[in-house]
Protein backbone atom coordinates (compact mmCIF):
# COMPACT_ATOMS: atom_id res chain seq x y z
CA UNK A 1 89.60 20.12 46.42
CA UNK A 2 89.07 22.82 48.98
CA UNK A 3 90.84 24.28 51.96
CA UNK A 4 89.02 26.32 54.53
CA UNK A 5 89.93 27.79 57.86
CA UNK A 6 87.20 28.09 60.41
CA UNK A 7 88.07 31.68 61.29
CA UNK A 8 86.31 34.98 60.70
CA UNK A 9 87.37 36.97 57.64
CA UNK A 10 85.97 40.20 59.09
CA UNK A 11 88.43 43.02 58.50
CA UNK A 12 90.49 41.03 56.00
CA UNK A 13 90.95 41.92 52.33
CA UNK A 14 89.76 39.36 49.77
CA UNK A 15 92.04 38.55 46.84
CA UNK A 16 90.92 36.20 44.09
CA UNK A 17 92.98 34.65 41.31
CA UNK A 18 92.20 31.66 39.09
CA UNK A 19 89.03 31.00 41.05
CA UNK A 20 90.83 30.81 44.40
CA UNK A 21 89.92 33.32 47.08
CA UNK A 22 92.38 34.25 49.80
CA UNK A 23 92.03 36.67 52.68
CA UNK A 24 94.92 38.77 53.93
CA UNK A 25 95.55 41.53 56.43
CA UNK A 26 94.79 44.91 54.79
CA UNK A 27 98.40 46.19 54.95
CA UNK A 28 99.89 42.97 53.60
CA UNK A 29 98.78 43.61 50.00
CA UNK A 30 100.82 46.82 49.85
CA UNK A 31 103.84 45.05 51.35
CA UNK A 32 103.63 42.13 48.91
CA UNK A 33 103.30 44.48 45.92
CA UNK A 34 107.01 45.27 46.41
CA UNK A 35 107.85 41.77 45.22
CA UNK A 36 107.36 40.06 41.86
CA UNK A 37 104.45 38.00 43.13
CA UNK A 38 103.34 35.31 45.52
CA UNK A 39 102.87 31.67 44.61
CA UNK A 40 101.00 29.21 46.80
CA UNK A 41 101.18 25.66 45.49
CA UNK A 42 100.26 22.24 46.85
CA UNK A 43 102.95 19.64 46.25
CA UNK A 44 103.43 15.94 46.92
CA UNK A 45 106.98 14.58 47.17
CA UNK A 46 108.24 11.31 48.56
CA UNK A 47 104.98 10.40 50.25
CA UNK A 48 104.67 13.82 51.90
CA UNK A 49 102.41 16.63 50.81
CA UNK A 50 101.84 20.22 51.79
CA UNK A 51 101.75 23.82 50.68
CA UNK A 52 104.72 25.84 49.45
CA UNK A 53 104.62 29.63 49.60
CA UNK A 54 107.11 31.52 47.43
CA UNK A 55 107.42 35.29 47.63
CA UNK A 56 109.22 37.13 44.80
CA UNK A 57 109.95 35.46 41.49
CA UNK A 58 106.67 33.58 41.76
CA UNK A 59 106.05 34.19 38.07
CA UNK A 60 108.38 31.35 37.15
CA UNK A 61 105.37 29.16 36.36
CA UNK A 62 104.05 31.50 33.71
CA UNK A 63 100.71 33.23 33.40
CA UNK A 64 98.74 29.98 33.42
CA UNK A 65 99.52 29.21 37.05
CA UNK A 66 100.65 25.93 38.50
CA UNK A 67 97.54 23.80 38.19
CA UNK A 68 99.45 21.43 35.91
CA UNK A 69 101.66 20.45 38.83
CA UNK A 70 104.79 21.36 36.90
CA UNK A 71 106.05 23.97 39.36
CA UNK A 72 108.57 23.63 42.12
């Protein structure tokens, strides 16, 4: 599965975790470091699906990440 945006990443900072690369505004990394973490997860509920972004307390899924689908 892949998700790509057809936009330039010039000037953005690349972050990579668990084989997933994301690109953020340069100042955003410093801002987000004030919180416990950021979790981006894809969920399917009741015939609907989408992405959930949680800021702070994102470590609730443990160090292994949420690839098992057990989060949220």
